[in-house]
């Protein structure tokens, strides 16, 4: 299936501060788009808008021609996997439970949830801490839980905001390889990053 995520003439203003102005972006299946730029350039805001988490002040976002907006079509939103810069994990739940919750919300049969979660955590090297509370994990481990949560649904679109920021070299390489794998499997992947090694691994680059 071909996937096309498009942001047209996007504008985002908070108070008297213009974060984004006239930004257009296109991400397609099988490719990884890197969004790069210095801190404060609007990378996180752009990913939030593309994922339907933030309403733009102007412009439109469409997925396969259907307009996306916060609070919009639930089935459309389920086609996204998102790695937030702040991870967005529930501290009082375990790593396993944090990954499982997205499958449960998507209506995956209970019998299939556990095996899929275990596989996702194994792929990011977190099997030994699967039953540990998020609040007891390091920042790098929490980041990998967030990646596992985004990957477990095999979403059509994967948005990752600085997914390697707190990782050492080996784990950074692992996570990048998993994101590349998802793209090659047909997903449209967008990564916001200031890491030149991550940007070099992408197919296309949007500089803010």
N, C-alpha and C. Protein backbone atom coordinates (compact mmCIF):
# COMPACT_ATOMS: atom_id res chain seq x y z
N UNK A 1 0.83 -1.20 0.00
CA UNK A 1 0.00 0.00 0.00
C UNK A 1 0.87 1.25 0.00
N UNK A 2 0.52 2.20 -0.84
CA UNK A 2 1.24 3.46 -0.90
C UNK A 2 0.68 4.43 0.14
N UNK A 3 1.59 5.07 0.88
CA UNK A 3 1.20 6.01 1.92
C UNK A 3 1.76 7.39 1.58
N UNK A 4 0.93 8.41 1.68
CA UNK A 4 1.39 9.78 1.40
C UNK A 4 0.89 10.71 2.50
N UNK A 5 1.83 11.26 3.25
CA UNK A 5 1.53 12.25 4.28
C UNK A 5 2.02 13.60 3.80
N UNK A 6 1.12 14.57 3.74
CA UNK A 6 1.47 15.87 3.18
C UNK A 6 1.03 17.01 4.10
N UNK A 7 1.94 17.92 4.34
CA UNK A 7 1.62 19.15 5.04
C UNK A 7 1.80 20.30 4.06
N UNK A 8 0.76 21.09 3.86
CA UNK A 8 0.80 22.15 2.87
C UNK A 8 0.72 23.53 3.51
N UNK A 9 1.75 24.34 3.27
CA UNK A 9 1.78 25.74 3.71
C UNK A 9 1.44 25.87 5.19
N UNK A 10 2.12 25.08 6.01
CA UNK A 10 1.81 25.05 7.44
C UNK A 10 2.33 26.28 8.17
N UNK A 11 1.49 26.77 9.06
CA UNK A 11 1.85 27.92 9.89
C UNK A 11 1.46 27.61 11.32
N UNK A 12 2.32 27.99 12.26
CA UNK A 12 2.02 27.75 13.67
C UNK A 12 2.50 28.92 14.49
N UNK A 13 1.56 29.56 15.18
CA UNK A 13 1.85 30.77 15.95
C UNK A 13 1.38 30.58 17.38
N UNK A 14 2.24 30.92 18.33
CA UNK A 14 1.88 30.93 19.75
C UNK A 14 2.05 32.35 20.26
N UNK A 15 0.95 32.99 20.62
CA UNK A 15 1.02 34.38 21.07
C UNK A 15 1.56 35.26 19.95
N UNK A 16 2.65 35.96 20.25
CA UNK A 16 3.25 36.81 19.23
C UNK A 16 4.46 36.15 18.59
N UNK A 17 4.64 34.87 18.84
CA UNK A 17 5.80 34.15 18.30
C UNK A 17 5.38 33.22 17.17
N UNK A 18 6.00 33.38 16.02
CA UNK A 18 5.74 32.52 14.88
C UNK A 18 6.75 31.36 14.90
N UNK A 19 6.26 30.14 15.09
CA UNK A 19 7.11 28.95 15.16
C UNK A 19 7.38 28.41 13.76
N UNK A 20 6.34 28.29 12.97
CA UNK A 20 6.44 27.81 11.59
C UNK A 20 5.67 28.75 10.69
N UNK A 21 6.20 28.95 9.49
CA UNK A 21 5.52 29.87 8.57
C UNK A 21 5.77 29.41 7.14
N UNK A 22 4.71 28.93 6.49
CA UNK A 22 4.81 28.52 5.09
C UNK A 22 5.62 27.26 4.87
N UNK A 23 5.55 26.31 5.79
CA UNK A 23 6.31 25.07 5.67
C UNK A 23 5.47 24.01 4.96
N UNK A 24 6.02 23.43 3.92
CA UNK A 24 5.35 22.34 3.22
C UNK A 24 6.25 21.11 3.28
N UNK A 25 5.63 19.94 3.46
CA UNK A 25 6.39 18.72 3.65
C UNK A 25 5.64 17.55 3.04
N UNK A 26 6.40 16.59 2.52
CA UNK A 26 5.78 15.38 1.96
C UNK A 26 6.59 14.17 2.37
N UNK A 27 5.93 13.19 2.95
CA UNK A 27 6.56 11.93 3.32
C UNK A 27 5.80 10.80 2.66
N UNK A 28 6.52 9.84 2.10
CA UNK A 28 5.86 8.76 1.38
C UNK A 28 6.38 7.40 1.84
N UNK A 29 5.60 6.38 1.55
CA UNK A 29 5.93 5.03 1.98
C UNK A 29 7.26 4.58 1.39
N UNK A 30 8.01 3.87 2.22
CA UNK A 30 9.29 3.33 1.78
C UNK A 30 10.46 4.28 1.93
N UNK A 31 10.20 5.49 2.44
CA UNK A 31 11.27 6.47 2.56
C UNK A 31 11.27 7.10 3.95
N UNK A 32 12.44 7.60 4.35
CA UNK A 32 12.58 8.29 5.62
C UNK A 32 12.92 9.74 5.36
N UNK A 33 12.14 10.62 5.94
CA UNK A 33 12.37 12.06 5.84
C UNK A 33 12.96 12.55 7.14
N UNK A 34 14.12 13.20 7.08
CA UNK A 34 14.72 13.82 8.26
C UNK A 34 14.33 15.28 8.31
N UNK A 35 13.87 15.73 9.46
CA UNK A 35 13.61 17.15 9.70
C UNK A 35 14.71 17.63 10.63
N UNK A 36 15.56 18.50 10.14
CA UNK A 36 16.69 18.95 10.95
C UNK A 36 16.63 20.46 11.14
N UNK A 37 17.36 20.91 12.15
CA UNK A 37 17.40 22.33 12.44
C UNK A 37 17.82 22.52 13.89
N UNK A 38 18.23 23.72 14.25
CA UNK A 38 18.67 23.98 15.62
C UNK A 38 17.51 23.92 16.60
N UNK A 39 17.83 23.87 17.89
CA UNK A 39 16.79 23.89 18.92
C UNK A 39 15.94 25.15 18.75
N UNK A 40 14.63 24.99 18.84
CA UNK A 40 13.73 26.12 18.68
C UNK A 40 13.31 26.39 17.26
N UNK A 41 13.78 25.55 16.32
CA UNK A 41 13.44 25.77 14.90
C UNK A 41 12.02 25.33 14.56
N UNK A 42 11.40 24.55 15.46
CA UNK A 42 10.02 24.11 15.20
C UNK A 42 9.89 22.66 14.80
N UNK A 43 10.95 21.86 15.01
CA UNK A 43 10.90 20.45 14.61
C UNK A 43 9.80 19.69 15.35
N UNK A 44 9.77 19.84 16.68
CA UNK A 44 8.75 19.13 17.47
C UNK A 44 7.34 19.61 17.12
N UNK A 45 7.20 20.90 16.91
CA UNK A 45 5.88 21.45 16.54
C UNK A 45 5.42 20.87 15.21
N UNK A 46 6.34 20.76 14.25
CA UNK A 46 5.98 20.24 12.95
C UNK A 46 5.53 18.78 13.06
N UNK A 47 6.25 17.97 13.81
CA UNK A 47 5.84 16.57 13.97
C UNK A 47 4.50 16.47 14.68
N UNK A 48 4.28 17.34 15.68
CA UNK A 48 3.00 17.33 16.37
C UNK A 48 1.85 17.66 15.44
N UNK A 49 2.08 18.60 14.54
CA UNK A 49 1.05 18.98 13.56
C UNK A 49 0.82 17.83 12.57
N UNK A 50 1.91 17.23 12.08
CA UNK A 50 1.78 16.13 11.12
C UNK A 50 1.07 14.93 11.73
N UNK A 51 1.23 14.75 13.05
CA UNK A 51 0.60 13.62 13.71
C UNK A 51 -0.80 13.90 14.23
N UNK A 52 -1.30 15.10 14.00
CA UNK A 52 -2.64 15.43 14.44
C UNK A 52 -2.74 15.72 15.93
N UNK A 53 -1.59 15.99 16.56
CA UNK A 53 -1.59 16.30 17.98
C UNK A 53 -1.74 17.80 18.24
N UNK A 54 -1.35 18.60 17.27
CA UNK A 54 -1.39 20.06 17.38
C UNK A 54 -2.15 20.61 16.18
N UNK A 55 -3.05 21.54 16.42
CA UNK A 55 -3.76 22.20 15.33
C UNK A 55 -2.90 23.32 14.77
N UNK A 56 -2.64 23.32 13.48
CA UNK A 56 -1.85 24.41 12.90
C UNK A 56 -2.64 25.71 12.87
N UNK A 57 -1.93 26.82 12.86
CA UNK A 57 -2.58 28.12 12.74
C UNK A 57 -3.00 28.39 11.31
N UNK A 58 -2.40 27.66 10.39
CA UNK A 58 -2.73 27.79 8.97
C UNK A 58 -2.20 26.59 8.22
N UNK A 59 -2.75 26.32 7.05
CA UNK A 59 -2.32 25.19 6.24
C UNK A 59 -3.09 23.92 6.58
N UNK A 60 -2.78 22.85 5.87
CA UNK A 60 -3.51 21.59 6.05
C UNK A 60 -2.54 20.41 6.07
N UNK A 61 -2.99 19.35 6.73
CA UNK A 61 -2.27 18.07 6.72
C UNK A 61 -3.22 17.01 6.18
N UNK A 62 -2.75 16.22 5.24
CA UNK A 62 -3.57 15.14 4.69
C UNK A 62 -2.79 13.83 4.71
N UNK A 63 -3.51 12.76 4.94
CA UNK A 63 -2.95 11.41 4.83
C UNK A 63 -3.73 10.70 3.75
N UNK A 64 -3.05 10.38 2.68
CA UNK A 64 -3.67 9.75 1.51
C UNK A 64 -4.89 10.53 1.05
N UNK A 65 -4.77 11.86 1.08
CA UNK A 65 -5.81 12.74 0.57
C UNK A 65 -6.89 13.11 1.56
N UNK A 66 -6.90 12.48 2.74
CA UNK A 66 -7.90 12.79 3.76
C UNK A 66 -7.31 13.75 4.78
N UNK A 67 -8.03 14.81 5.06
CA UNK A 67 -7.52 15.82 5.97
C UNK A 67 -7.45 15.30 7.40
N UNK A 68 -6.36 15.63 8.06
CA UNK A 68 -6.13 15.20 9.44
C UNK A 68 -6.20 16.41 10.36
N UNK A 69 -6.87 16.24 11.49
CA UNK A 69 -6.98 17.33 12.46
C UNK A 69 -7.09 16.74 13.86
N UNK A 70 -6.63 17.47 14.88
CA UNK A 70 -6.78 16.99 16.26
C UNK A 70 -8.23 16.66 16.57
N UNK A 71 -8.44 15.49 17.18
CA UNK A 71 -9.79 15.07 17.52
C UNK A 71 -10.58 14.56 16.34
N UNK A 72 -9.89 14.36 15.20
CA UNK A 72 -10.58 13.90 14.00
C UNK A 72 -10.78 12.40 13.95
N UNK A 73 -10.87 11.88 12.74
CA UNK A 73 -11.17 10.48 12.48
C UNK A 73 -10.25 9.54 13.27
N UNK A 74 -10.81 8.72 14.14
CA UNK A 74 -10.02 7.83 14.99
C UNK A 74 -9.27 6.78 14.17
N UNK A 75 -9.93 6.23 13.16
CA UNK A 75 -9.28 5.22 12.33
C UNK A 75 -8.08 5.80 11.60
N UNK A 76 -8.18 7.05 11.19
CA UNK A 76 -7.07 7.72 10.53
C UNK A 76 -5.90 7.90 11.50
N UNK A 77 -6.22 8.29 12.72
CA UNK A 77 -5.19 8.52 13.73
C UNK A 77 -4.50 7.23 14.15
N UNK A 78 -5.21 6.12 14.06
CA UNK A 78 -4.63 4.83 14.41
C UNK A 78 -3.57 4.37 13.41
N UNK A 79 -3.50 5.04 12.30
CA UNK A 79 -2.49 4.68 11.30
C UNK A 79 -1.12 5.28 11.63
N UNK A 80 -1.06 6.04 12.74
CA UNK A 80 0.19 6.70 13.14
C UNK A 80 0.83 5.99 14.33
N UNK A 81 2.17 5.93 14.29
CA UNK A 81 2.96 5.58 15.45
C UNK A 81 3.83 6.78 15.75
N UNK A 82 3.87 7.22 17.01
CA UNK A 82 4.57 8.47 17.32
C UNK A 82 5.51 8.27 18.51
N UNK A 83 6.76 8.71 18.34
CA UNK A 83 7.73 8.73 19.41
C UNK A 83 7.89 10.18 19.83
N UNK A 84 7.37 10.52 21.00
CA UNK A 84 7.42 11.89 21.48
C UNK A 84 8.79 12.19 22.08
N UNK A 85 9.21 13.44 22.00
CA UNK A 85 10.50 13.82 22.56
C UNK A 85 10.53 13.61 24.07
N UNK A 86 9.40 13.81 24.73
CA UNK A 86 9.32 13.58 26.17
C UNK A 86 8.85 12.18 26.51
N UNK A 87 8.82 11.31 25.49
CA UNK A 87 8.46 9.89 25.59
C UNK A 87 6.97 9.66 25.76
N UNK A 88 6.28 10.42 26.65
CA UNK A 88 4.84 10.25 26.82
C UNK A 88 4.45 8.93 27.46
N UNK A 89 5.33 8.41 28.31
CA UNK A 89 5.07 7.13 28.98
C UNK A 89 4.37 7.37 30.32
N UNK A 90 3.70 6.33 30.82
CA UNK A 90 3.03 6.40 32.11
C UNK A 90 3.99 5.84 33.16
N UNK A 91 4.45 6.70 34.06
CA UNK A 91 5.50 6.33 35.02
C UNK A 91 5.09 5.19 35.94
N UNK A 92 3.81 5.11 36.25
CA UNK A 92 3.34 4.11 37.21
C UNK A 92 3.08 2.75 36.57
N UNK A 93 3.29 2.63 35.26
CA UNK A 93 3.12 1.35 34.57
C UNK A 93 4.49 0.79 34.21
N UNK A 94 4.53 -0.51 33.96
CA UNK A 94 5.78 -1.15 33.55
C UNK A 94 6.05 -0.87 32.08
N UNK A 95 7.26 -1.22 31.64
CA UNK A 95 7.61 -1.09 30.23
C UNK A 95 6.64 -1.91 29.38
N UNK A 96 6.36 -3.15 29.81
CA UNK A 96 5.43 -4.02 29.08
C UNK A 96 4.05 -3.39 28.99
N UNK A 97 3.56 -2.85 30.09
CA UNK A 97 2.22 -2.27 30.11
C UNK A 97 2.14 -1.03 29.24
N UNK A 98 3.20 -0.23 29.19
CA UNK A 98 3.19 0.97 28.36
C UNK A 98 3.11 0.64 26.88
N UNK A 99 3.73 -0.44 26.47
CA UNK A 99 3.66 -0.85 25.07
C UNK A 99 2.33 -1.52 24.78
N UNK A 100 1.85 -2.31 25.75
CA UNK A 100 0.61 -3.05 25.55
C UNK A 100 -0.60 -2.14 25.38
N UNK A 101 -0.59 -0.99 26.02
CA UNK A 101 -1.79 -0.15 26.05
C UNK A 101 -2.20 0.31 24.65
N UNK A 102 -1.25 0.52 23.75
CA UNK A 102 -1.63 0.96 22.40
C UNK A 102 -2.29 -0.17 21.62
N UNK A 103 -1.87 -1.40 21.87
CA UNK A 103 -2.51 -2.53 21.20
C UNK A 103 -3.91 -2.75 21.75
N UNK A 104 -4.04 -2.60 23.06
CA UNK A 104 -5.36 -2.76 23.66
C UNK A 104 -6.33 -1.70 23.14
N UNK A 105 -5.83 -0.47 23.01
CA UNK A 105 -6.67 0.62 22.50
C UNK A 105 -7.07 0.39 21.05
N UNK A 106 -6.21 -0.32 20.31
CA UNK A 106 -6.49 -0.59 18.90
C UNK A 106 -7.38 -1.81 18.71
N UNK A 107 -7.74 -2.46 19.82
CA UNK A 107 -8.64 -3.61 19.73
C UNK A 107 -7.97 -4.91 19.35
N UNK A 108 -6.66 -5.00 19.54
CA UNK A 108 -5.95 -6.25 19.26
C UNK A 108 -6.41 -7.32 20.26
N UNK A 109 -6.70 -8.52 19.80
CA UNK A 109 -7.15 -9.57 20.71
C UNK A 109 -6.17 -9.78 21.86
N UNK A 110 -6.72 -9.97 23.05
CA UNK A 110 -5.90 -10.07 24.26
C UNK A 110 -4.85 -11.17 24.14
N UNK A 111 -5.18 -12.26 23.47
CA UNK A 111 -4.24 -13.37 23.34
C UNK A 111 -3.01 -13.00 22.53
N UNK A 112 -3.13 -11.98 21.67
CA UNK A 112 -2.02 -11.59 20.81
C UNK A 112 -1.17 -10.47 21.40
N UNK A 113 -1.71 -9.75 22.37
CA UNK A 113 -1.03 -8.57 22.88
C UNK A 113 0.31 -8.90 23.51
N UNK A 114 0.32 -9.87 24.40
CA UNK A 114 1.54 -10.17 25.16
C UNK A 114 2.70 -10.57 24.25
N UNK A 115 2.45 -11.44 23.28
CA UNK A 115 3.53 -11.90 22.41
C UNK A 115 4.06 -10.76 21.55
N UNK A 116 3.18 -9.88 21.10
CA UNK A 116 3.63 -8.75 20.29
C UNK A 116 4.44 -7.76 21.11
N UNK A 117 4.03 -7.53 22.34
CA UNK A 117 4.78 -6.62 23.21
C UNK A 117 6.15 -7.21 23.52
N UNK A 118 6.19 -8.48 23.84
CA UNK A 118 7.46 -9.13 24.15
C UNK A 118 8.42 -9.03 22.96
N UNK A 119 7.91 -9.23 21.77
CA UNK A 119 8.74 -9.14 20.57
C UNK A 119 9.27 -7.73 20.37
N UNK A 120 8.41 -6.73 20.57
CA UNK A 120 8.83 -5.33 20.38
C UNK A 120 9.90 -4.94 21.39
N UNK A 121 9.74 -5.35 22.64
CA UNK A 121 10.73 -5.01 23.66
C UNK A 121 12.04 -5.76 23.42
N UNK A 122 11.94 -6.97 22.93
CA UNK A 122 13.16 -7.73 22.62
C UNK A 122 13.96 -7.03 21.51
N UNK A 123 13.26 -6.49 20.54
CA UNK A 123 13.93 -5.86 19.41
C UNK A 123 14.70 -4.61 19.81
N UNK A 124 14.24 -3.95 20.87
CA UNK A 124 14.96 -2.76 21.34
C UNK A 124 15.87 -3.07 22.54
N UNK A 125 16.03 -4.37 22.82
CA UNK A 125 16.95 -4.79 23.86
C UNK A 125 16.49 -4.58 25.27
N UNK A 126 15.18 -4.66 25.51
CA UNK A 126 14.66 -4.35 26.84
C UNK A 126 13.94 -5.53 27.51
N UNK A 127 14.12 -6.72 27.01
CA UNK A 127 13.48 -7.88 27.63
C UNK A 127 13.78 -7.99 29.13
N UNK A 128 15.03 -7.75 29.57
CA UNK A 128 15.32 -7.90 31.00
C UNK A 128 14.57 -6.91 31.91
N UNK A 129 14.09 -5.80 31.36
CA UNK A 129 13.42 -4.80 32.20
C UNK A 129 11.94 -4.65 31.84
N UNK A 130 11.40 -5.64 31.16
CA UNK A 130 10.01 -5.55 30.70
C UNK A 130 9.03 -5.31 31.85
N UNK A 131 9.32 -5.89 33.02
CA UNK A 131 8.40 -5.77 34.15
C UNK A 131 8.81 -4.67 35.13
N UNK A 132 9.76 -3.83 34.73
CA UNK A 132 10.18 -2.72 35.59
C UNK A 132 9.27 -1.52 35.35
N UNK A 133 8.99 -0.78 36.40
CA UNK A 133 8.23 0.46 36.24
C UNK A 133 9.03 1.47 35.44
N UNK A 134 8.34 2.26 34.65
CA UNK A 134 9.00 3.29 33.84
C UNK A 134 9.83 4.22 34.72
N UNK A 135 9.32 4.57 35.87
CA UNK A 135 10.02 5.51 36.74
C UNK A 135 11.34 4.95 37.27
N UNK A 136 11.52 3.63 37.14
CA UNK A 136 12.76 3.01 37.59
C UNK A 136 13.77 2.81 36.46
N UNK A 137 13.41 3.19 35.25
CA UNK A 137 14.29 3.02 34.09
C UNK A 137 15.10 4.28 33.82
N UNK A 138 16.25 4.11 33.19
CA UNK A 138 17.06 5.25 32.78
C UNK A 138 16.39 5.99 31.63
N UNK A 139 16.89 7.19 31.33
CA UNK A 139 16.33 7.95 30.22
C UNK A 139 16.46 7.22 28.90
N UNK A 140 17.61 6.58 28.68
CA UNK A 140 17.81 5.84 27.44
C UNK A 140 16.88 4.65 27.33
N UNK A 141 16.65 3.96 28.44
CA UNK A 141 15.72 2.83 28.43
C UNK A 141 14.29 3.30 28.17
N UNK A 142 13.91 4.41 28.78
CA UNK A 142 12.58 4.95 28.54
C UNK A 142 12.41 5.32 27.06
N UNK A 143 13.46 5.86 26.48
CA UNK A 143 13.40 6.23 25.07
C UNK A 143 13.17 5.00 24.19
N UNK A 144 13.82 3.90 24.54
CA UNK A 144 13.63 2.68 23.76
C UNK A 144 12.24 2.07 23.98
N UNK A 145 11.67 2.24 25.17
CA UNK A 145 10.28 1.81 25.38
C UNK A 145 9.35 2.60 24.46
N UNK A 146 9.60 3.90 24.35
CA UNK A 146 8.77 4.74 23.48
C UNK A 146 8.88 4.30 22.02
N UNK A 147 10.07 3.91 21.60
CA UNK A 147 10.25 3.42 20.23
C UNK A 147 9.52 2.09 20.05
N UNK A 148 9.65 1.20 21.03
CA UNK A 148 8.95 -0.09 20.96
C UNK A 148 7.44 0.11 20.86
N UNK A 149 6.92 1.08 21.60
CA UNK A 149 5.49 1.36 21.58
C UNK A 149 5.04 1.83 20.19
N UNK A 150 5.88 2.63 19.54
CA UNK A 150 5.54 3.11 18.20
C UNK A 150 5.64 2.01 17.16
N UNK A 151 6.59 1.09 17.35
CA UNK A 151 6.81 0.04 16.36
C UNK A 151 5.83 -1.12 16.49
N UNK A 152 5.29 -1.34 17.67
CA UNK A 152 4.49 -2.54 17.91
C UNK A 152 3.21 -2.57 17.09
N UNK A 153 2.72 -1.43 16.67
CA UNK A 153 1.47 -1.39 15.91
C UNK A 153 1.66 -1.55 14.41
N UNK A 154 2.92 -1.55 13.94
CA UNK A 154 3.23 -1.57 12.50
C UNK A 154 2.40 -0.52 11.77
N UNK A 155 2.45 0.70 12.28
CA UNK A 155 1.67 1.81 11.73
C UNK A 155 2.12 2.17 10.31
N UNK A 156 1.21 2.79 9.56
CA UNK A 156 1.53 3.23 8.20
C UNK A 156 2.46 4.43 8.20
N UNK A 157 2.35 5.26 9.23
CA UNK A 157 3.18 6.46 9.36
C UNK A 157 3.86 6.42 10.72
N UNK A 158 5.17 6.64 10.73
CA UNK A 158 5.92 6.65 11.98
C UNK A 158 6.62 8.00 12.10
N UNK A 159 6.27 8.74 13.16
CA UNK A 159 6.86 10.04 13.44
C UNK A 159 7.72 9.91 14.68
N UNK A 160 8.99 10.25 14.58
CA UNK A 160 9.92 10.08 15.70
C UNK A 160 10.65 11.38 15.99
N UNK A 161 10.44 11.91 17.18
CA UNK A 161 11.03 13.18 17.59
C UNK A 161 12.28 12.92 18.42
N UNK A 162 13.45 13.17 17.85
CA UNK A 162 14.74 12.95 18.51
C UNK A 162 14.79 11.56 19.15
N UNK A 163 14.57 10.50 18.37
CA UNK A 163 14.46 9.16 18.94
C UNK A 163 15.77 8.58 19.46
N UNK A 164 16.90 9.25 19.21
CA UNK A 164 18.20 8.71 19.65
C UNK A 164 18.91 9.65 20.61
N UNK A 165 18.24 10.70 21.09
CA UNK A 165 18.90 11.77 21.83
C UNK A 165 19.63 11.28 23.08
N UNK A 166 19.08 10.28 23.77
CA UNK A 166 19.67 9.84 25.03
C UNK A 166 20.36 8.48 24.93
N UNK A 167 20.66 8.05 23.71
CA UNK A 167 21.20 6.71 23.52
C UNK A 167 22.70 6.73 23.26
N UNK A 168 23.35 5.64 23.68
CA UNK A 168 24.77 5.48 23.35
C UNK A 168 24.89 5.03 21.90
N UNK A 169 26.11 4.92 21.42
CA UNK A 169 26.35 4.67 20.00
C UNK A 169 25.69 3.36 19.53
N UNK A 170 25.83 2.30 20.31
CA UNK A 170 25.27 1.01 19.89
C UNK A 170 23.76 1.04 19.81
N UNK A 171 23.12 1.62 20.83
CA UNK A 171 21.65 1.68 20.83
C UNK A 171 21.14 2.68 19.80
N UNK A 172 21.91 3.75 19.54
CA UNK A 172 21.51 4.68 18.48
C UNK A 172 21.48 3.96 17.14
N UNK A 173 22.50 3.17 16.88
CA UNK A 173 22.55 2.42 15.62
C UNK A 173 21.40 1.42 15.54
N UNK A 174 21.08 0.78 16.67
CA UNK A 174 19.97 -0.18 16.69
C UNK A 174 18.65 0.49 16.35
N UNK A 175 18.37 1.61 16.99
CA UNK A 175 17.09 2.29 16.77
C UNK A 175 16.98 2.81 15.34
N UNK A 176 18.05 3.38 14.82
CA UNK A 176 18.03 3.86 13.44
C UNK A 176 17.76 2.70 12.49
N UNK A 177 18.38 1.56 12.74
CA UNK A 177 18.18 0.40 11.86
C UNK A 177 16.73 -0.07 11.89
N UNK A 178 16.09 0.00 13.06
CA UNK A 178 14.68 -0.40 13.16
C UNK A 178 13.77 0.57 12.42
N UNK A 179 14.09 1.86 12.48
CA UNK A 179 13.29 2.85 11.75
C UNK A 179 13.47 2.69 10.25
N UNK A 180 14.68 2.41 9.82
CA UNK A 180 14.93 2.15 8.40
C UNK A 180 14.17 0.91 7.96
N UNK A 181 14.17 -0.11 8.79
CA UNK A 181 13.45 -1.35 8.48
C UNK A 181 11.96 -1.09 8.29
N UNK A 182 11.38 -0.25 9.16
CA UNK A 182 9.96 0.07 9.03
C UNK A 182 9.67 0.80 7.73
N UNK A 183 10.57 1.69 7.34
CA UNK A 183 10.38 2.39 6.08
C UNK A 183 10.45 1.41 4.91
N UNK A 184 11.44 0.55 4.93
CA UNK A 184 11.60 -0.40 3.82
C UNK A 184 10.43 -1.38 3.75
N UNK A 185 9.73 -1.55 4.87
CA UNK A 185 8.54 -2.42 4.89
C UNK A 185 7.31 -1.69 4.37
N UNK A 186 7.44 -0.39 4.08
CA UNK A 186 6.34 0.34 3.46
C UNK A 186 5.79 1.51 4.22
N UNK A 187 6.31 1.76 5.43
CA UNK A 187 5.81 2.91 6.19
C UNK A 187 6.43 4.21 5.69
N UNK A 188 5.73 5.31 5.94
CA UNK A 188 6.30 6.64 5.73
C UNK A 188 6.87 7.07 7.07
N UNK A 189 8.17 7.34 7.13
CA UNK A 189 8.84 7.64 8.39
C UNK A 189 9.39 9.06 8.36
N UNK A 190 9.11 9.80 9.42
CA UNK A 190 9.64 11.17 9.56
C UNK A 190 10.37 11.23 10.89
N UNK A 191 11.64 11.65 10.84
CA UNK A 191 12.46 11.74 12.05
C UNK A 191 12.93 13.17 12.22
N UNK A 192 12.64 13.76 13.38
CA UNK A 192 13.20 15.06 13.73
C UNK A 192 14.48 14.81 14.50
N UNK A 193 15.59 15.35 14.02
CA UNK A 193 16.87 15.07 14.69
C UNK A 193 17.90 16.14 14.35
N UNK A 194 18.79 16.40 15.31
CA UNK A 194 19.93 17.27 15.05
C UNK A 194 21.21 16.44 14.94
N UNK A 195 21.07 15.10 15.04
CA UNK A 195 22.21 14.19 14.97
C UNK A 195 22.57 13.95 13.50
N UNK A 196 23.77 14.36 13.06
CA UNK A 196 24.13 14.20 11.65
C UNK A 196 24.17 12.75 11.19
N UNK A 197 24.51 11.82 12.08
CA UNK A 197 24.53 10.41 11.71
C UNK A 197 23.13 9.90 11.42
N UNK A 198 22.15 10.36 12.20
CA UNK A 198 20.77 9.97 11.96
C UNK A 198 20.28 10.57 10.64
N UNK A 199 20.57 11.84 10.44
CA UNK A 199 20.16 12.51 9.20
C UNK A 199 20.76 11.82 7.98
N UNK A 200 22.01 11.41 8.08
CA UNK A 200 22.68 10.74 6.96
C UNK A 200 22.02 9.41 6.59
N UNK A 201 21.35 8.79 7.55
CA UNK A 201 20.70 7.50 7.30
C UNK A 201 19.35 7.66 6.61
N UNK A 202 18.88 8.90 6.49
CA UNK A 202 17.55 9.16 5.89
C UNK A 202 17.65 9.38 4.38
N UNK A 203 16.52 9.24 3.72
CA UNK A 203 16.47 9.39 2.27
C UNK A 203 16.32 10.84 1.83
N UNK A 204 15.57 11.60 2.60
CA UNK A 204 15.27 12.99 2.25
C UNK A 204 15.46 13.87 3.49
N UNK A 205 15.72 15.15 3.26
CA UNK A 205 15.96 16.07 4.37
C UNK A 205 15.16 17.35 4.18
N UNK A 206 14.49 17.79 5.26
CA UNK A 206 13.83 19.08 5.30
C UNK A 206 14.54 19.91 6.37
N UNK A 207 15.13 21.01 5.97
CA UNK A 207 15.87 21.87 6.92
C UNK A 207 14.98 23.01 7.36
N UNK A 208 14.85 23.18 8.66
CA UNK A 208 14.08 24.30 9.22
C UNK A 208 15.04 25.36 9.73
